[in-house]
Amino acid sequence: MTERFPFEPLLEACEKVWREPNEAGSPITDVGKVASVLGVARSTVYKWQTEGLTEKWADRVAWLLGRHPGEVWPEWWSPGLAVA
């Protein structure tokens, strides 16, 4: 089994870091926007939505957001979510 971290906290972190001033009322929920913000393929974001993020990806995208993964996923400090 591989540890996986949920997608929703990543969405919230993207929201806090990259919200445009003129987008005050519209949350970043679009897969294309998340992919653009993080510089990854849309297919990667779709995979994260359905399967969660591996420890490697969680670490990488947290770094891209200027954060430690434990700031995005508090469970980073304990065993992550297991997905079969």
PDB file of N, CA and C in Angstrom:
ATOM      1  N   MET A   1       0.826  -1.186   0.000  1.00  0.00           N
ATOM      2  CA  MET A   1       0.000   0.000   0.000  1.00  0.00           C
ATOM      3  C   MET A   1       0.873   1.254   0.000  1.00  0.00           C
ATOM      4  N   THR A   2       0.409   2.258  -0.688  1.00  0.00           N
ATOM      5  CA  THR A   2       1.107   3.525  -0.759  1.00  0.00           C
ATOM      6  C   THR A   2       0.337   4.564   0.043  1.00  0.00           C
ATOM      7  N   GLU A   3       1.062   5.364   0.798  1.00  0.00           N
ATOM      8  CA  GLU A   3       0.402   6.433   1.543  1.00  0.00           C
ATOM      9  C   GLU A   3      -0.090   7.486   0.565  1.00  0.00           C
ATOM     10  N   ARG A   4      -1.300   7.960   0.790  1.00  0.00           N
ATOM     11  CA  ARG A   4      -1.891   9.012  -0.050  1.00  0.00           C
ATOM     12  C   ARG A   4      -2.435  10.122   0.819  1.00  0.00           C
ATOM     13  N   PHE A   5      -2.347  11.322   0.307  1.00  0.00           N
ATOM     14  CA  PHE A   5      -2.849  12.499   1.005  1.00  0.00           C
ATOM     15  C   PHE A   5      -4.002  13.076   0.199  1.00  0.00           C
ATOM     16  N   PRO A   6      -5.075  13.520   0.874  1.00  0.00           N
ATOM     17  CA  PRO A   6      -6.276  13.981   0.171  1.00  0.00           C
ATOM     18  C   PRO A   6      -6.047  15.253  -0.643  1.00  0.00           C
ATOM     19  N   PHE A   7      -6.851  15.393  -1.672  1.00  0.00           N
ATOM     20  CA  PHE A   7      -6.747  16.503  -2.613  1.00  0.00           C
ATOM     21  C   PHE A   7      -7.263  17.827  -2.041  1.00  0.00           C
ATOM     22  N   GLU A   8      -8.313  17.789  -1.235  1.00  0.00           N
ATOM     23  CA  GLU A   8      -8.979  19.005  -0.768  1.00  0.00           C
ATOM     24  C   GLU A   8      -8.041  19.989  -0.063  1.00  0.00           C
ATOM     25  N   PRO A   9      -7.152  19.532   0.833  1.00  0.00           N
ATOM     26  CA  PRO A   9      -6.238  20.493   1.460  1.00  0.00           C
ATOM     27  C   PRO A   9      -5.322  21.204   0.455  1.00  0.00           C
ATOM     28  N   LEU A  10      -4.972  20.508  -0.620  1.00  0.00           N
ATOM     29  CA  LEU A  10      -4.163  21.140  -1.667  1.00  0.00           C
ATOM     30  C   LEU A  10      -4.953  22.251  -2.333  1.00  0.00           C
ATOM     31  N   LEU A  11      -6.217  21.999  -2.584  1.00  0.00           N
ATOM     32  CA  LEU A  11      -7.084  23.009  -3.193  1.00  0.00           C
ATOM     33  C   LEU A  11      -7.152  24.246  -2.303  1.00  0.00           C
ATOM     34  N   GLU A  12      -7.297  24.044  -1.004  1.00  0.00           N
ATOM     35  CA  GLU A  12      -7.347  25.157  -0.060  1.00  0.00           C
ATOM     36  C   GLU A  12      -6.028  25.924  -0.036  1.00  0.00           C
ATOM     37  N   ALA A  13      -4.911  25.201  -0.093  1.00  0.00           N
ATOM     38  CA  ALA A  13      -3.599  25.857  -0.087  1.00  0.00           C
ATOM     39  C   ALA A  13      -3.397  26.667  -1.365  1.00  0.00           C
ATOM     40  N   CYS A  14      -3.810  26.139  -2.504  1.00  0.00           N
ATOM     41  CA  CYS A  14      -3.714  26.883  -3.774  1.00  0.00           C
ATOM     42  C   CYS A  14      -4.545  28.154  -3.678  1.00  0.00           C
ATOM     43  N   GLU A  15      -5.703  28.018  -3.090  1.00  0.00           N
ATOM     44  CA  GLU A  15      -6.613  29.145  -2.928  1.00  0.00           C
ATOM     45  C   GLU A  15      -5.947  30.278  -2.147  1.00  0.00           C
ATOM     46  N   LYS A  16      -5.292  29.940  -1.051  1.00  0.00           N
ATOM     47  CA  LYS A  16      -4.676  30.947  -0.192  1.00  0.00           C
ATOM     48  C   LYS A  16      -3.485  31.623  -0.859  1.00  0.00           C
ATOM     49  N   VAL A  17      -2.737  30.878  -1.646  1.00  0.00           N
ATOM     50  CA  VAL A  17      -1.507  31.407  -2.228  1.00  0.00           C
ATOM     51  C   VAL A  17      -1.754  32.143  -3.541  1.00  0.00           C
ATOM     52  N   TRP A  18      -2.624  31.607  -4.400  1.00  0.00           N
ATOM     53  CA  TRP A  18      -2.735  32.153  -5.745  1.00  0.00           C
ATOM     54  C   TRP A  18      -4.061  32.789  -6.100  1.00  0.00           C
ATOM     55  N   ARG A  19      -4.852  33.157  -5.132  1.00  0.00           N
ATOM     56  CA  ARG A  19      -6.121  33.805  -5.457  1.00  0.00           C
ATOM     57  C   ARG A  19      -5.842  35.171  -6.081  1.00  0.00           C
ATOM     58  N   GLU A  20      -6.454  35.423  -7.204  1.00  0.00           N
ATOM     59  CA  GLU A  20      -6.334  36.708  -7.878  1.00  0.00           C
ATOM     60  C   GLU A  20      -7.220  37.721  -7.163  1.00  0.00           C
ATOM     61  N   PRO A  21      -6.788  38.969  -7.062  1.00  0.00           N
ATOM     62  CA  PRO A  21      -7.602  39.981  -6.381  1.00  0.00           C
ATOM     63  C   PRO A  21      -9.013  40.105  -6.951  1.00  0.00           C
ATOM     64  N   ASN A  22      -9.166  39.957  -8.247  1.00  0.00           N
ATOM     65  CA  ASN A  22     -10.481  40.094  -8.869  1.00  0.00           C
ATOM     66  C   ASN A  22     -11.300  38.805  -8.768  1.00  0.00           C
ATOM     67  N   GLU A  23     -10.753  37.771  -8.145  1.00  0.00           N
ATOM     68  CA  GLU A  23     -11.464  36.507  -7.989  1.00  0.00           C
ATOM     69  C   GLU A  23     -11.919  36.307  -6.539  1.00  0.00           C
ATOM     70  N   ALA A  24     -12.135  37.388  -5.836  1.00  0.00           N
ATOM     71  CA  ALA A  24     -12.435  37.312  -4.406  1.00  0.00           C
ATOM     72  C   ALA A  24     -13.573  36.347  -4.089  1.00  0.00           C
ATOM     73  N   GLY A  25     -14.571  36.257  -4.943  1.00  0.00           N
ATOM     74  CA  GLY A  25     -15.703  35.397  -4.640  1.00  0.00           C
ATOM     75  C   GLY A  25     -15.669  34.042  -5.301  1.00  0.00           C
ATOM     76  N   SER A  26     -14.703  33.776  -6.154  1.00  0.00           N
ATOM     77  CA  SER A  26     -14.711  32.508  -6.869  1.00  0.00           C
ATOM     78  C   SER A  26     -13.540  31.625  -6.429  1.00  0.00           C
ATOM     79  N   PRO A  27     -13.837  30.513  -5.792  1.00  0.00           N
ATOM     80  CA  PRO A  27     -12.760  29.635  -5.335  1.00  0.00           C
ATOM     81  C   PRO A  27     -12.063  28.939  -6.500  1.00  0.00           C
ATOM     82  N   ILE A  28     -10.823  28.536  -6.260  1.00  0.00           N
ATOM     83  CA  ILE A  28     -10.086  27.788  -7.275  1.00  0.00           C
ATOM     84  C   ILE A  28     -10.563  26.346  -7.199  1.00  0.00           C
ATOM     85  N   THR A  29     -11.470  25.979  -8.077  1.00  0.00           N
ATOM     86  CA  THR A  29     -11.961  24.603  -8.113  1.00  0.00           C
ATOM     87  C   THR A  29     -11.722  23.977  -9.472  1.00  0.00           C
ATOM     88  N   ASP A  30     -11.391  24.780 -10.437  1.00  0.00           N
ATOM     89  CA  ASP A  30     -11.177  24.300 -11.790  1.00  0.00           C
ATOM     90  C   ASP A  30      -9.859  23.532 -11.883  1.00  0.00           C
ATOM     91  N   VAL A  31      -9.920  22.344 -12.420  1.00  0.00           N
ATOM     92  CA  VAL A  31      -8.733  21.509 -12.573  1.00  0.00           C
ATOM     93  C   VAL A  31      -7.672  22.225 -13.398  1.00  0.00           C
ATOM     94  N   GLY A  32      -8.089  22.915 -14.436  1.00  0.00           N
ATOM     95  CA  GLY A  32      -7.147  23.645 -15.277  1.00  0.00           C
ATOM     96  C   GLY A  32      -6.409  24.721 -14.505  1.00  0.00           C
ATOM     97  N   LYS A  33      -7.119  25.412 -13.612  1.00  0.00           N
ATOM     98  CA  LYS A  33      -6.502  26.470 -12.810  1.00  0.00           C
ATOM     99  C   LYS A  33      -5.483  25.875 -11.836  1.00  0.00           C
ATOM    100  N   VAL A  34      -5.836  24.786 -11.163  1.00  0.00           N
ATOM    101  CA  VAL A  34      -4.908  24.129 -10.241  1.00  0.00           C
ATOM    102  C   VAL A  34      -3.679  23.647 -11.000  1.00  0.00           C
ATOM    103  N   ALA A  35      -3.893  23.044 -12.160  1.00  0.00           N
ATOM    104  CA  ALA A  35      -2.776  22.560 -12.978  1.00  0.00           C
ATOM    105  C   ALA A  35      -1.875  23.715 -13.391  1.00  0.00           C
ATOM    106  N   SER A  36      -2.483  24.825 -13.770  1.00  0.00           N
ATOM    107  CA  SER A  36      -1.719  25.996 -14.182  1.00  0.00           C
ATOM    108  C   SER A  36      -0.932  26.578 -13.021  1.00  0.00           C
ATOM    109  N   VAL A  37      -1.576  26.694 -11.866  1.00  0.00           N
ATOM    110  CA  VAL A  37      -0.936  27.247 -10.677  1.00  0.00           C
ATOM    111  C   VAL A  37       0.286  26.416 -10.290  1.00  0.00           C
ATOM    112  N   LEU A  38       0.157  25.087 -10.372  1.00  0.00           N
ATOM    113  CA  LEU A  38       1.236  24.199  -9.932  1.00  0.00           C
ATOM    114  C   LEU A  38       2.190  23.786 -11.052  1.00  0.00           C
ATOM    115  N   GLY A  39       1.840  24.081 -12.304  1.00  0.00           N
ATOM    116  CA  GLY A  39       2.698  23.719 -13.412  1.00  0.00           C
ATOM    117  C   GLY A  39       2.725  22.229 -13.692  1.00  0.00           C
ATOM    118  N   VAL A  40       1.569  21.581 -13.546  1.00  0.00           N
ATOM    119  CA  VAL A  40       1.461  20.146 -13.824  1.00  0.00           C
ATOM    120  C   VAL A  40       0.364  19.924 -14.852  1.00  0.00           C
ATOM    121  N   ALA A  41       0.300  18.723 -15.391  1.00  0.00           N
ATOM    122  CA  ALA A  41      -0.718  18.382 -16.383  1.00  0.00           C
ATOM    123  C   ALA A  41      -2.086  18.245 -15.726  1.00  0.00           C
ATOM    124  N   ARG A  42      -3.126  18.551 -16.476  1.00  0.00           N
ATOM    125  CA  ARG A  42      -4.493  18.381 -15.970  1.00  0.00           C
ATOM    126  C   ARG A  42      -4.744  16.941 -15.560  1.00  0.00           C
ATOM    127  N   SER A  43      -4.214  16.009 -16.329  1.00  0.00           N
ATOM    128  CA  SER A  43      -4.418  14.589 -16.006  1.00  0.00           C
ATOM    129  C   SER A  43      -3.843  14.243 -14.633  1.00  0.00           C
ATOM    130  N   THR A  44      -2.768  14.913 -14.255  1.00  0.00           N
ATOM    131  CA  THR A  44      -2.175  14.691 -12.931  1.00  0.00           C
ATOM    132  C   THR A  44      -3.128  15.168 -11.850  1.00  0.00           C
ATOM    133  N   VAL A  45      -3.729  16.331 -12.054  1.00  0.00           N
ATOM    134  CA  VAL A  45      -4.669  16.874 -11.069  1.00  0.00           C
ATOM    135  C   VAL A  45      -5.904  15.979 -10.972  1.00  0.00           C
ATOM    136  N   TYR A  46      -6.408  15.493 -12.115  1.00  0.00           N
ATOM    137  CA  TYR A  46      -7.547  14.572 -12.085  1.00  0.00           C
ATOM    138  C   TYR A  46      -7.201  13.321 -11.275  1.00  0.00           C
ATOM    139  N   LYS A  47      -5.990  12.817 -11.447  1.00  0.00           N
ATOM    140  CA  LYS A  47      -5.553  11.634 -10.703  1.00  0.00           C
ATOM    141  C   LYS A  47      -5.512  11.923  -9.207  1.00  0.00           C
ATOM    142  N   TRP A  48      -5.011  13.106  -8.825  1.00  0.00           N
ATOM    143  CA  TRP A  48      -4.976  13.488  -7.416  1.00  0.00           C
ATOM    144  C   TRP A  48      -6.389  13.550  -6.845  1.00  0.00           C
ATOM    145  N   GLN A  49      -7.322  14.047  -7.638  1.00  0.00           N
ATOM    146  CA  GLN A  49      -8.706  14.141  -7.163  1.00  0.00           C
ATOM    147  C   GLN A  49      -9.279  12.769  -6.842  1.00  0.00           C
ATOM    148  N   THR A  50      -8.973  11.796  -7.656  1.00  0.00           N
ATOM    149  CA  THR A  50      -9.564  10.470  -7.482  1.00  0.00           C
ATOM    150  C   THR A  50      -8.745   9.556  -6.579  1.00  0.00           C
ATOM    151  N   GLU A  51      -7.421   9.707  -6.595  1.00  0.00           N
ATOM    152  CA  GLU A  51      -6.564   8.770  -5.861  1.00  0.00           C
ATOM    153  C   GLU A  51      -5.809   9.389  -4.701  1.00  0.00           C
ATOM    154  N   GLY A  52      -5.809  10.708  -4.591  1.00  0.00           N
ATOM    155  CA  GLY A  52      -4.997  11.381  -3.589  1.00  0.00           C
ATOM    156  C   GLY A  52      -3.574  11.562  -4.107  1.00  0.00           C
ATOM    157  N   LEU A  53      -2.742  12.205  -3.317  1.00  0.00           N
ATOM    158  CA  LEU A  53      -1.362  12.486  -3.711  1.00  0.00           C
ATOM    159  C   LEU A  53      -0.413  11.544  -2.988  1.00  0.00           C
ATOM    160  N   THR A  54       0.578  11.068  -3.699  1.00  0.00           N
ATOM    161  CA  THR A  54       1.614  10.275  -3.061  1.00  0.00           C
ATOM    162  C   THR A  54       2.440  11.199  -2.177  1.00  0.00           C
ATOM    163  N   GLU A  55       3.228  10.613  -1.312  1.00  0.00           N
ATOM    164  CA  GLU A  55       4.087  11.407  -0.435  1.00  0.00           C
ATOM    165  C   GLU A  55       5.033  12.279  -1.267  1.00  0.00           C
ATOM    166  N   LYS A  56       5.549  11.728  -2.343  1.00  0.00           N
ATOM    167  CA  LYS A  56       6.466  12.471  -3.212  1.00  0.00           C
ATOM    168  C   LYS A  56       5.779  13.698  -3.815  1.00  0.00           C
ATOM    169  N   TRP A  57       4.563  13.519  -4.351  1.00  0.00           N
ATOM    170  CA  TRP A  57       3.841  14.642  -4.943  1.00  0.00           C
ATOM    171  C   TRP A  57       3.407  15.639  -3.889  1.00  0.00           C
ATOM    172  N   ALA A  58       2.966  15.163  -2.737  1.00  0.00           N
ATOM    173  CA  ALA A  58       2.549  16.071  -1.668  1.00  0.00           C
ATOM    174  C   ALA A  58       3.711  16.969  -1.259  1.00  0.00           C
ATOM    175  N   ASP A  59       4.882  16.388  -1.122  1.00  0.00           N
ATOM    176  CA  ASP A  59       6.070  17.158  -0.764  1.00  0.00           C
ATOM    177  C   ASP A  59       6.393  18.180  -1.849  1.00  0.00           C
ATOM    178  N   ARG A  60       6.345  17.737  -3.091  1.00  0.00           N
ATOM    179  CA  ARG A  60       6.699  18.610  -4.216  1.00  0.00           C
ATOM    180  C   ARG A  60       5.747  19.794  -4.358  1.00  0.00           C
ATOM    181  N   VAL A  61       4.445  19.531  -4.297  1.00  0.00           N
ATOM    182  CA  VAL A  61       3.499  20.644  -4.500  1.00  0.00           C
ATOM    183  C   VAL A  61       3.467  21.580  -3.295  1.00  0.00           C
ATOM    184  N   ALA A  62       3.684  21.052  -2.096  1.00  0.00           N
ATOM    185  CA  ALA A  62       3.772  21.936  -0.934  1.00  0.00           C
ATOM    186  C   ALA A  62       4.949  22.884  -1.110  1.00  0.00           C
ATOM    187  N   TRP A  63       6.053  22.359  -1.571  1.00  0.00           N
ATOM    188  CA  TRP A  63       7.240  23.188  -1.827  1.00  0.00           C
ATOM    189  C   TRP A  63       6.921  24.256  -2.867  1.00  0.00           C
ATOM    190  N   LEU A  64       6.206  23.883  -3.925  1.00  0.00           N
ATOM    191  CA  LEU A  64       5.833  24.860  -4.957  1.00  0.00           C
ATOM    192  C   LEU A  64       4.965  25.981  -4.378  1.00  0.00           C
ATOM    193  N   LEU A  65       4.214  25.665  -3.338  1.00  0.00           N
ATOM    194  CA  LEU A  65       3.361  26.659  -2.688  1.00  0.00           C
ATOM    195  C   LEU A  65       4.102  27.426  -1.600  1.00  0.00           C
ATOM    196  N   GLY A  66       5.384  27.092  -1.406  1.00  0.00           N
ATOM    197  CA  GLY A  66       6.173  27.768  -0.400  1.00  0.00           C
ATOM    198  C   GLY A  66       5.860  27.302   1.017  1.00  0.00           C
ATOM    199  N   ARG A  67       5.401  26.070   1.149  1.00  0.00           N
ATOM    200  CA  ARG A  67       5.005  25.530   2.442  1.00  0.00           C
ATOM    201  C   ARG A  67       5.648  24.168   2.685  1.00  0.00           C
ATOM    202  N   HIS A  68       5.636  23.778   3.929  1.00  0.00           N
ATOM    203  CA  HIS A  68       6.030  22.418   4.284  1.00  0.00           C
ATOM    204  C   HIS A  68       4.780  21.555   4.118  1.00  0.00           C
ATOM    205  N   PRO A  69       4.919  20.309   3.675  1.00  0.00           N
ATOM    206  CA  PRO A  69       3.732  19.474   3.497  1.00  0.00           C
ATOM    207  C   PRO A  69       2.887  19.334   4.768  1.00  0.00           C
ATOM    208  N   GLY A  70       3.523  19.400   5.931  1.00  0.00           N
ATOM    209  CA  GLY A  70       2.780  19.318   7.186  1.00  0.00           C
ATOM    210  C   GLY A  70       1.857  20.500   7.407  1.00  0.00           C
ATOM    211  N   GLU A  71       2.133  21.623   6.726  1.00  0.00           N
ATOM    212  CA  GLU A  71       1.246  22.786   6.815  1.00  0.00           C
ATOM    213  C   GLU A  71      -0.007  22.584   5.976  1.00  0.00           C
ATOM    214  N   VAL A  72       0.120  21.815   4.909  1.00  0.00           N
ATOM    215  CA  VAL A  72      -1.013  21.539   4.028  1.00  0.00           C
ATOM    216  C   VAL A  72      -1.782  20.318   4.528  1.00  0.00           C
ATOM    217  N   TRP A  73      -1.053  19.284   4.900  1.00  0.00           N
ATOM    218  CA  TRP A  73      -1.630  18.030   5.387  1.00  0.00           C
ATOM    219  C   TRP A  73      -1.120  17.766   6.797  1.00  0.00           C
ATOM    220  N   PRO A  74      -1.873  18.099   7.849  1.00  0.00           N
ATOM    221  CA  PRO A  74      -1.420  17.863   9.216  1.00  0.00           C
ATOM    222  C   PRO A  74      -1.068  16.393   9.477  1.00  0.00           C
ATOM    223  N   GLU A  75      -1.708  15.482   8.747  1.00  0.00           N
ATOM    224  CA  GLU A  75      -1.414  14.061   8.922  1.00  0.00           C
ATOM    225  C   GLU A  75      -0.025  13.677   8.409  1.00  0.00           C
ATOM    226  N   TRP A  76       0.670  14.626   7.786  1.00  0.00           N
ATOM    227  CA  TRP A  76       2.034  14.388   7.316  1.00  0.00           C
ATOM    228  C   TRP A  76       2.909  13.909   8.483  1.00  0.00           C
ATOM    229  N   TRP A  77       2.640  14.416   9.666  1.00  0.00           N
ATOM    230  CA  TRP A  77       3.447  14.096  10.837  1.00  0.00           C
ATOM    231  C   TRP A  77       3.133  12.726  11.399  1.00  0.00           C
ATOM    232  N   SER A  78       2.042  12.113  10.954  1.00  0.00           N
ATOM    233  CA  SER A  78       1.695  10.755  11.366  1.00  0.00           C
ATOM    234  C   SER A  78       1.511   9.945  10.097  1.00  0.00           C
ATOM    235  N   PRO A  79       1.305   8.645  10.191  1.00  0.00           N
ATOM    236  CA  PRO A  79       1.093   7.860   8.966  1.00  0.00           C
ATOM    237  C   PRO A  79      -0.021   8.449   8.112  1.00  0.00           C
ATOM    238  N   GLY A  80       0.216   8.535   6.815  1.00  0.00           N
ATOM    239  CA  GLY A  80      -0.768   9.096   5.887  1.00  0.00           C
ATOM    240  C   GLY A  80      -1.935   8.164   5.659  1.00  0.00           C
ATOM    241  N   LEU A  81      -2.822   8.562   4.791  1.00  0.00           N
ATOM    242  CA  LEU A  81      -3.975   7.751   4.458  1.00  0.00           C
ATOM    243  C   LEU A  81      -3.556   6.642   3.533  1.00  0.00           C
ATOM    244  N   ALA A  82      -3.949   5.445   3.837  1.00  0.00           N
ATOM    245  CA  ALA A  82      -3.602   4.308   2.987  1.00  0.00           C
ATOM    246  C   ALA A  82      -4.713   4.058   1.996  1.00  0.00           C
ATOM    247  N   VAL A  83      -4.341   3.864   0.754  1.00  0.00           N
ATOM    248  CA  VAL A  83      -5.297   3.550  -0.299  1.00  0.00           C
ATOM    249  C   VAL A  83      -4.857   2.245  -0.916  1.00  0.00           C
ATOM    250  N   ALA A  84      -5.764   1.335  -1.036  1.00  0.00           N
ATOM    251  CA  ALA A  84      -5.419   0.023  -1.603  1.00  0.00           C
ATOM    252  C   ALA A  84      -5.253   0.114  -3.097  1.00  0.00           C
TER     253      ALA A  84
END
